[in-house]
Amino acid sequence: MPTHTPKKYLISHISLQHRFDKSRSGLEKLLKTDPSFPRPIKFGLSKQAGVYFLVAEVEAWLESKISERDSVVQDLSKRDKQ
């Protein structure tokens, strides 16, 4: 029986900037300051080579940030009830 491997989709650095409403330097800062942010894939050795991210990794990172936020909100609501 063949196994199904999930497909890997890429998003360009520029498209990710637009999706996150960040400037190029803003996205670079996120890469440098958040070690959990997905590492990019660079196609080529030149400085101008395209930079891409795996969509699944970016989505997983975003889900983890949402979970962090939700757990903080729950902790605050529990504290306020005491």
PDB file of N, CA and C in Angstrom:
ATOM      1  N   MET A   1       0.850  -1.179   0.000  1.00  0.00           N
ATOM      2  CA  MET A   1       0.000   0.000   0.000  1.00  0.00           C
ATOM      3  C   MET A   1       0.895   1.242   0.000  1.00  0.00           C
ATOM      4  N   PRO A   2       0.713   2.138  -0.958  1.00  0.00           N
ATOM      5  CA  PRO A   2       1.561   3.332  -1.014  1.00  0.00           C
ATOM      6  C   PRO A   2       1.235   4.293   0.143  1.00  0.00           C
ATOM      7  N   THR A   3       2.273   4.898   0.661  1.00  0.00           N
ATOM      8  CA  THR A   3       2.063   5.892   1.716  1.00  0.00           C
ATOM      9  C   THR A   3       1.940   7.261   1.085  1.00  0.00           C
ATOM     10  N   HIS A   4       1.124   8.086   1.693  1.00  0.00           N
ATOM     11  CA  HIS A   4       0.904   9.435   1.179  1.00  0.00           C
ATOM     12  C   HIS A   4       1.781  10.414   1.943  1.00  0.00           C
ATOM     13  N   THR A   5       2.652  11.083   1.238  1.00  0.00           N
ATOM     14  CA  THR A   5       3.512  12.087   1.853  1.00  0.00           C
ATOM     15  C   THR A   5       2.884  13.449   1.608  1.00  0.00           C
ATOM     16  N   PRO A   6       2.733  14.263   2.663  1.00  0.00           N
ATOM     17  CA  PRO A   6       2.155  15.587   2.441  1.00  0.00           C
ATOM     18  C   PRO A   6       3.031  16.401   1.497  1.00  0.00           C
ATOM     19  N   LYS A   7       2.385  17.154   0.653  1.00  0.00           N
ATOM     20  CA  LYS A   7       3.122  17.981  -0.293  1.00  0.00           C
ATOM     21  C   LYS A   7       3.714  19.180   0.425  1.00  0.00           C
ATOM     22  N   LYS A   8       4.868  19.592  -0.036  1.00  0.00           N
ATOM     23  CA  LYS A   8       5.561  20.734   0.530  1.00  0.00           C
ATOM     24  C   LYS A   8       5.346  21.921  -0.406  1.00  0.00           C
ATOM     25  N   TYR A   9       4.780  22.976   0.137  1.00  0.00           N
ATOM     26  CA  TYR A   9       4.571  24.187  -0.641  1.00  0.00           C
ATOM     27  C   TYR A   9       5.452  25.286  -0.103  1.00  0.00           C
ATOM     28  N   LEU A  10       5.943  26.106  -1.003  1.00  0.00           N
ATOM     29  CA  LEU A  10       6.824  27.202  -0.631  1.00  0.00           C
ATOM     30  C   LEU A  10       6.117  28.531  -0.778  1.00  0.00           C
ATOM     31  N   ILE A  11       6.555  29.494   0.025  1.00  0.00           N
ATOM     32  CA  ILE A  11       6.099  30.866  -0.119  1.00  0.00           C
ATOM     33  C   ILE A  11       7.346  31.739  -0.171  1.00  0.00           C
ATOM     34  N   SER A  12       7.357  32.695  -1.063  1.00  0.00           N
ATOM     35  CA  SER A  12       8.533  33.546  -1.213  1.00  0.00           C
ATOM     36  C   SER A  12       8.644  34.521  -0.045  1.00  0.00           C
ATOM     37  N   HIS A  13       9.836  35.022   0.131  1.00  0.00           N
ATOM     38  CA  HIS A  13      10.102  36.002   1.184  1.00  0.00           C
ATOM     39  C   HIS A  13       9.172  37.208   1.007  1.00  0.00           C
ATOM     40  N   ILE A  14       9.036  37.660  -0.217  1.00  0.00           N
ATOM     41  CA  ILE A  14       8.202  38.835  -0.505  1.00  0.00           C
ATOM     42  C   ILE A  14       6.731  38.541  -0.210  1.00  0.00           C
ATOM     43  N   SER A  15       6.249  37.377  -0.604  1.00  0.00           N
ATOM     44  CA  SER A  15       4.853  37.024  -0.330  1.00  0.00           C
ATOM     45  C   SER A  15       4.595  36.903   1.165  1.00  0.00           C
ATOM     46  N   LEU A  16       5.576  36.373   1.894  1.00  0.00           N
ATOM     47  CA  LEU A  16       5.426  36.259   3.340  1.00  0.00           C
ATOM     48  C   LEU A  16       5.396  37.638   3.992  1.00  0.00           C
ATOM     49  N   GLN A  17       6.196  38.558   3.475  1.00  0.00           N
ATOM     50  CA  GLN A  17       6.151  39.944   3.963  1.00  0.00           C
ATOM     51  C   GLN A  17       4.738  40.502   3.824  1.00  0.00           C
ATOM     52  N   HIS A  18       4.138  40.299   2.681  1.00  0.00           N
ATOM     53  CA  HIS A  18       2.782  40.803   2.434  1.00  0.00           C
ATOM     54  C   HIS A  18       1.767  40.121   3.349  1.00  0.00           C
ATOM     55  N   ARG A  19       1.896  38.810   3.520  1.00  0.00           N
ATOM     56  CA  ARG A  19       0.947  38.068   4.369  1.00  0.00           C
ATOM     57  C   ARG A  19       1.006  38.532   5.816  1.00  0.00           C
ATOM     58  N   PHE A  20       2.217  38.838   6.301  1.00  0.00           N
ATOM     59  CA  PHE A  20       2.394  39.281   7.684  1.00  0.00           C
ATOM     60  C   PHE A  20       2.344  40.783   7.829  1.00  0.00           C
ATOM     61  N   ASP A  21       2.166  41.490   6.715  1.00  0.00           N
ATOM     62  CA  ASP A  21       2.138  42.954   6.721  1.00  0.00           C
ATOM     63  C   ASP A  21       3.395  43.513   7.402  1.00  0.00           C
ATOM     64  N   LYS A  22       4.541  42.981   6.964  1.00  0.00           N
ATOM     65  CA  LYS A  22       5.824  43.407   7.506  1.00  0.00           C
ATOM     66  C   LYS A  22       6.719  43.889   6.372  1.00  0.00           C
ATOM     67  N   SER A  23       7.606  44.806   6.726  1.00  0.00           N
ATOM     68  CA  SER A  23       8.616  45.232   5.769  1.00  0.00           C
ATOM     69  C   SER A  23       9.683  44.152   5.670  1.00  0.00           C
ATOM     70  N   ARG A  24      10.575  44.295   4.716  1.00  0.00           N
ATOM     71  CA  ARG A  24      11.678  43.336   4.579  1.00  0.00           C
ATOM     72  C   ARG A  24      12.500  43.296   5.868  1.00  0.00           C
ATOM     73  N   SER A  25      12.816  44.489   6.397  1.00  0.00           N
ATOM     74  CA  SER A  25      13.617  44.537   7.621  1.00  0.00           C
ATOM     75  C   SER A  25      12.831  43.997   8.817  1.00  0.00           C
ATOM     76  N   GLY A  26      11.514  44.165   8.820  1.00  0.00           N
ATOM     77  CA  GLY A  26      10.681  43.637   9.896  1.00  0.00           C
ATOM     78  C   GLY A  26      10.695  42.122   9.922  1.00  0.00           C
ATOM     79  N   LEU A  27      10.641  41.510   8.743  1.00  0.00           N
ATOM     80  CA  LEU A  27      10.689  40.049   8.660  1.00  0.00           C
ATOM     81  C   LEU A  27      12.085  39.549   9.030  1.00  0.00           C
ATOM     82  N   GLU A  28      13.108  40.259   8.602  1.00  0.00           N
ATOM     83  CA  GLU A  28      14.481  39.887   8.970  1.00  0.00           C
ATOM     84  C   GLU A  28      14.675  39.973  10.485  1.00  0.00           C
ATOM     85  N   LYS A  29      14.098  40.986  11.108  1.00  0.00           N
ATOM     86  CA  LYS A  29      14.199  41.131  12.563  1.00  0.00           C
ATOM     87  C   LYS A  29      13.508  39.959  13.257  1.00  0.00           C
ATOM     88  N   LEU A  30      12.358  39.563  12.753  1.00  0.00           N
ATOM     89  CA  LEU A  30      11.644  38.408  13.307  1.00  0.00           C
ATOM     90  C   LEU A  30      12.503  37.148  13.208  1.00  0.00           C
ATOM     91  N   LEU A  31      13.163  36.967  12.078  1.00  0.00           N
ATOM     92  CA  LEU A  31      14.050  35.818  11.890  1.00  0.00           C
ATOM     93  C   LEU A  31      15.188  35.814  12.908  1.00  0.00           C
ATOM     94  N   LYS A  32      15.709  36.992  13.206  1.00  0.00           N
ATOM     95  CA  LYS A  32      16.850  37.095  14.119  1.00  0.00           C
ATOM     96  C   LYS A  32      16.443  36.993  15.583  1.00  0.00           C
ATOM     97  N   THR A  33      15.269  37.493  15.933  1.00  0.00           N
ATOM     98  CA  THR A  33      14.888  37.573  17.345  1.00  0.00           C
ATOM     99  C   THR A  33      14.034  36.410  17.840  1.00  0.00           C
ATOM    100  N   ASP A  34      13.409  35.666  16.933  1.00  0.00           N
ATOM    101  CA  ASP A  34      12.557  34.549  17.339  1.00  0.00           C
ATOM    102  C   ASP A  34      13.153  33.236  16.823  1.00  0.00           C
ATOM    103  N   PRO A  35      13.854  32.502  17.697  1.00  0.00           N
ATOM    104  CA  PRO A  35      14.485  31.261  17.241  1.00  0.00           C
ATOM    105  C   PRO A  35      13.485  30.193  16.797  1.00  0.00           C
ATOM    106  N   SER A  36      12.219  30.339  17.167  1.00  0.00           N
ATOM    107  CA  SER A  36      11.221  29.351  16.750  1.00  0.00           C
ATOM    108  C   SER A  36      10.669  29.639  15.353  1.00  0.00           C
ATOM    109  N   PHE A  37      10.976  30.813  14.802  1.00  0.00           N
ATOM    110  CA  PHE A  37      10.480  31.143  13.458  1.00  0.00           C
ATOM    111  C   PHE A  37      11.192  30.257  12.437  1.00  0.00           C
ATOM    112  N   PRO A  38      10.449  29.735  11.460  1.00  0.00           N
ATOM    113  CA  PRO A  38      11.052  28.822  10.473  1.00  0.00           C
ATOM    114  C   PRO A  38      12.226  29.450   9.728  1.00  0.00           C
ATOM    115  N   ARG A  39      13.226  28.646   9.490  1.00  0.00           N
ATOM    116  CA  ARG A  39      14.397  29.086   8.749  1.00  0.00           C
ATOM    117  C   ARG A  39      14.079  29.061   7.264  1.00  0.00           C
ATOM    118  N   PRO A  40      14.569  30.046   6.518  1.00  0.00           N
ATOM    119  CA  PRO A  40      14.298  30.082   5.078  1.00  0.00           C
ATOM    120  C   PRO A  40      15.160  29.094   4.301  1.00  0.00           C
ATOM    121  N   ILE A  41      14.734  28.842   3.090  1.00  0.00           N
ATOM    122  CA  ILE A  41      15.486  28.024   2.139  1.00  0.00           C
ATOM    123  C   ILE A  41      15.926  28.968   1.032  1.00  0.00           C
ATOM    124  N   LYS A  42      17.213  28.990   0.752  1.00  0.00           N
ATOM    125  CA  LYS A  42      17.737  29.867  -0.289  1.00  0.00           C
ATOM    126  C   LYS A  42      18.118  29.019  -1.493  1.00  0.00           C
ATOM    127  N   PHE A  43      17.633  29.411  -2.659  1.00  0.00           N
ATOM    128  CA  PHE A  43      17.931  28.689  -3.888  1.00  0.00           C
ATOM    129  C   PHE A  43      19.065  29.391  -4.631  1.00  0.00           C
ATOM    130  N   GLY A  44      20.262  28.957  -4.368  1.00  0.00           N
ATOM    131  CA  GLY A  44      21.434  29.511  -5.028  1.00  0.00           C
ATOM    132  C   GLY A  44      22.388  30.137  -4.031  1.00  0.00           C
ATOM    133  N   LEU A  45      23.579  30.420  -4.509  1.00  0.00           N
ATOM    134  CA  LEU A  45      24.625  30.960  -3.649  1.00  0.00           C
ATOM    135  C   LEU A  45      24.754  32.477  -3.734  1.00  0.00           C
ATOM    136  N   SER A  46      24.194  33.064  -4.788  1.00  0.00           N
ATOM    137  CA  SER A  46      24.354  34.506  -4.963  1.00  0.00           C
ATOM    138  C   SER A  46      23.492  35.268  -3.949  1.00  0.00           C
ATOM    139  N   LYS A  47      23.866  36.499  -3.736  1.00  0.00           N
ATOM    140  CA  LYS A  47      23.117  37.355  -2.816  1.00  0.00           C
ATOM    141  C   LYS A  47      21.682  37.576  -3.315  1.00  0.00           C
ATOM    142  N   GLN A  48      21.496  37.534  -4.606  1.00  0.00           N
ATOM    143  CA  GLN A  48      20.177  37.784  -5.200  1.00  0.00           C
ATOM    144  C   GLN A  48      19.326  36.518  -5.328  1.00  0.00           C
ATOM    145  N   ALA A  49      19.844  35.378  -4.893  1.00  0.00           N
ATOM    146  CA  ALA A  49      19.092  34.120  -5.022  1.00  0.00           C
ATOM    147  C   ALA A  49      17.783  34.207  -4.248  1.00  0.00           C
ATOM    148  N   GLY A  50      16.769  33.547  -4.760  1.00  0.00           N
ATOM    149  CA  GLY A  50      15.451  33.560  -4.133  1.00  0.00           C
ATOM    150  C   GLY A  50      15.455  32.912  -2.756  1.00  0.00           C
ATOM    151  N   VAL A  51      14.648  33.480  -1.859  1.00  0.00           N
ATOM    152  CA  VAL A  51      14.509  32.962  -0.502  1.00  0.00           C
ATOM    153  C   VAL A  51      13.057  32.555  -0.307  1.00  0.00           C
ATOM    154  N   TYR A  52      12.854  31.331   0.193  1.00  0.00           N
ATOM    155  CA  TYR A  52      11.515  30.783   0.359  1.00  0.00           C
ATOM    156  C   TYR A  52      11.356  30.148   1.737  1.00  0.00           C
ATOM    157  N   PHE A  53      10.117  29.981   2.153  1.00  0.00           N
ATOM    158  CA  PHE A  53       9.774  29.340   3.416  1.00  0.00           C
ATOM    159  C   PHE A  53       8.787  28.221   3.119  1.00  0.00           C
ATOM    160  N   LEU A  54       8.846  27.156   3.917  1.00  0.00           N
ATOM    161  CA  LEU A  54       7.843  26.099   3.794  1.00  0.00           C
ATOM    162  C   LEU A  54       6.549  26.586   4.450  1.00  0.00           C
ATOM    163  N   VAL A  55       5.473  26.563   3.709  1.00  0.00           N
ATOM    164  CA  VAL A  55       4.182  27.043   4.189  1.00  0.00           C
ATOM    165  C   VAL A  55       3.765  26.292   5.451  1.00  0.00           C
ATOM    166  N   ALA A  56       3.944  24.984   5.476  1.00  0.00           N
ATOM    167  CA  ALA A  56       3.534  24.176   6.639  1.00  0.00           C
ATOM    168  C   ALA A  56       4.284  24.621   7.901  1.00  0.00           C
ATOM    169  N   GLU A  57       5.571  24.957   7.774  1.00  0.00           N
ATOM    170  CA  GLU A  57       6.345  25.402   8.931  1.00  0.00           C
ATOM    171  C   GLU A  57       5.870  26.768   9.420  1.00  0.00           C
ATOM    172  N   VAL A  58       5.565  27.657   8.496  1.00  0.00           N
ATOM    173  CA  VAL A  58       5.069  28.978   8.874  1.00  0.00           C
ATOM    174  C   VAL A  58       3.710  28.851   9.558  1.00  0.00           C
ATOM    175  N   GLU A  59       2.839  27.999   9.022  1.00  0.00           N
ATOM    176  CA  GLU A  59       1.522  27.797   9.628  1.00  0.00           C
ATOM    177  C   GLU A  59       1.650  27.183  11.023  1.00  0.00           C
ATOM    178  N   ALA A  60       2.563  26.227  11.190  1.00  0.00           N
ATOM    179  CA  ALA A  60       2.779  25.612  12.504  1.00  0.00           C
ATOM    180  C   ALA A  60       3.304  26.648  13.499  1.00  0.00           C
ATOM    181  N   TRP A  61       4.209  27.512  13.053  1.00  0.00           N
ATOM    182  CA  TRP A  61       4.745  28.570  13.911  1.00  0.00           C
ATOM    183  C   TRP A  61       3.615  29.512  14.339  1.00  0.00           C
ATOM    184  N   LEU A  62       2.773  29.892  13.395  1.00  0.00           N
ATOM    185  CA  LEU A  62       1.663  30.787  13.693  1.00  0.00           C
ATOM    186  C   LEU A  62       0.689  30.142  14.673  1.00  0.00           C
ATOM    187  N   GLU A  63       0.393  28.864  14.492  1.00  0.00           N
ATOM    188  CA  GLU A  63      -0.486  28.147  15.424  1.00  0.00           C
ATOM    189  C   GLU A  63       0.105  28.124  16.831  1.00  0.00           C
ATOM    190  N   SER A  64       1.421  27.960  16.925  1.00  0.00           N
ATOM    191  CA  SER A  64       2.055  27.946  18.252  1.00  0.00           C
ATOM    192  C   SER A  64       1.946  29.315  18.913  1.00  0.00           C
ATOM    193  N   LYS A  65       2.056  30.381  18.128  1.00  0.00           N
ATOM    194  CA  LYS A  65       1.916  31.738  18.675  1.00  0.00           C
ATOM    195  C   LYS A  65       0.482  31.981  19.149  1.00  0.00           C
ATOM    196  N   ILE A  66      -0.487  31.474  18.405  1.00  0.00           N
ATOM    197  CA  ILE A  66      -1.895  31.609  18.803  1.00  0.00           C
ATOM    198  C   ILE A  66      -2.133  30.836  20.097  1.00  0.00           C
ATOM    199  N   SER A  67      -1.580  29.636  20.196  1.00  0.00           N
ATOM    200  CA  SER A  67      -1.723  28.830  21.422  1.00  0.00           C
ATOM    201  C   SER A  67      -1.093  29.533  22.619  1.00  0.00           C
ATOM    202  N   GLU A  68       0.092  30.121  22.423  1.00  0.00           N
ATOM    203  CA  GLU A  68       0.746  30.879  23.495  1.00  0.00           C
ATOM    204  C   GLU A  68      -0.154  32.013  23.971  1.00  0.00           C
ATOM    205  N   ARG A  69      -0.699  32.749  23.017  1.00  0.00           N
ATOM    206  CA  ARG A  69      -1.578  33.866  23.348  1.00  0.00           C
ATOM    207  C   ARG A  69      -2.797  33.383  24.112  1.00  0.00           C
ATOM    208  N   ASP A  70      -3.407  32.306  23.638  1.00  0.00           N
ATOM    209  CA  ASP A  70      -4.609  31.797  24.288  1.00  0.00           C
ATOM    210  C   ASP A  70      -4.325  31.297  25.698  1.00  0.00           C
ATOM    211  N   SER A  71      -3.165  30.696  25.924  1.00  0.00           N
ATOM    212  CA  SER A  71      -2.844  30.215  27.270  1.00  0.00           C
ATOM    213  C   SER A  71      -2.610  31.384  28.218  1.00  0.00           C
ATOM    214  N   VAL A  72      -2.040  32.468  27.725  1.00  0.00           N
ATOM    215  CA  VAL A  72      -1.848  33.662  28.557  1.00  0.00           C
ATOM    216  C   VAL A  72      -3.199  34.258  28.917  1.00  0.00           C
ATOM    217  N   VAL A  73      -4.104  34.324  27.967  1.00  0.00           N
ATOM    218  CA  VAL A  73      -5.440  34.871  28.213  1.00  0.00           C
ATOM    219  C   VAL A  73      -6.167  34.016  29.245  1.00  0.00           C
ATOM    220  N   GLN A  74      -6.049  32.698  29.128  1.00  0.00           N
ATOM    221  CA  GLN A  74      -6.698  31.800  30.099  1.00  0.00           C
ATOM    222  C   GLN A  74      -6.095  31.988  31.482  1.00  0.00           C
ATOM    223  N   ASP A  75      -4.773  32.101  31.563  1.00  0.00           N
ATOM    224  CA  ASP A  75      -4.117  32.307  32.852  1.00  0.00           C
ATOM    225  C   ASP A  75      -4.563  33.621  33.490  1.00  0.00           C
ATOM    226  N   LEU A  76      -4.680  34.661  32.677  1.00  0.00           N
ATOM    227  CA  LEU A  76      -5.132  35.953  33.201  1.00  0.00           C
ATOM    228  C   LEU A  76      -6.583  35.890  33.686  1.00  0.00           C
ATOM    229  N   SER A  77      -7.425  35.182  32.954  1.00  0.00           N
ATOM    230  CA  SER A  77      -8.826  35.091  33.364  1.00  0.00           C
ATOM    231  C   SER A  77      -8.968  34.283  34.661  1.00  0.00           C
ATOM    232  N   LYS A  78      -8.148  33.249  34.827  1.00  0.00           N
ATOM    233  CA  LYS A  78      -8.168  32.474  36.068  1.00  0.00           C
ATOM    234  C   LYS A  78      -7.703  33.333  37.231  1.00  0.00           C
ATOM    235  N   ARG A  79      -6.682  34.128  37.001  1.00  0.00           N
ATOM    236  CA  ARG A  79      -6.147  34.999  38.050  1.00  0.00           C
ATOM    237  C   ARG A  79      -7.181  36.045  38.460  1.00  0.00           C
ATOM    238  N   ASP A  80      -7.901  36.598  37.494  1.00  0.00           N
ATOM    239  CA  ASP A  80      -8.909  37.621  37.796  1.00  0.00           C
ATOM    240  C   ASP A  80     -10.081  37.063  38.594  1.00  0.00           C
ATOM    241  N   LYS A  81     -10.379  35.764  38.439  1.00  0.00           N
ATOM    242  CA  LYS A  81     -11.493  35.149  39.154  1.00  0.00           C
ATOM    243  C   LYS A  81     -11.152  34.862  40.603  1.00  0.00           C
ATOM    244  N   GLN A  82      -9.869  34.834  40.923  1.00  0.00           N
ATOM    245  CA  GLN A  82      -9.466  34.536  42.318  1.00  0.00           C
ATOM    246  C   GLN A  82      -9.573  35.724  43.216  1.00  0.00           C
TER     247      GLN A  82
END
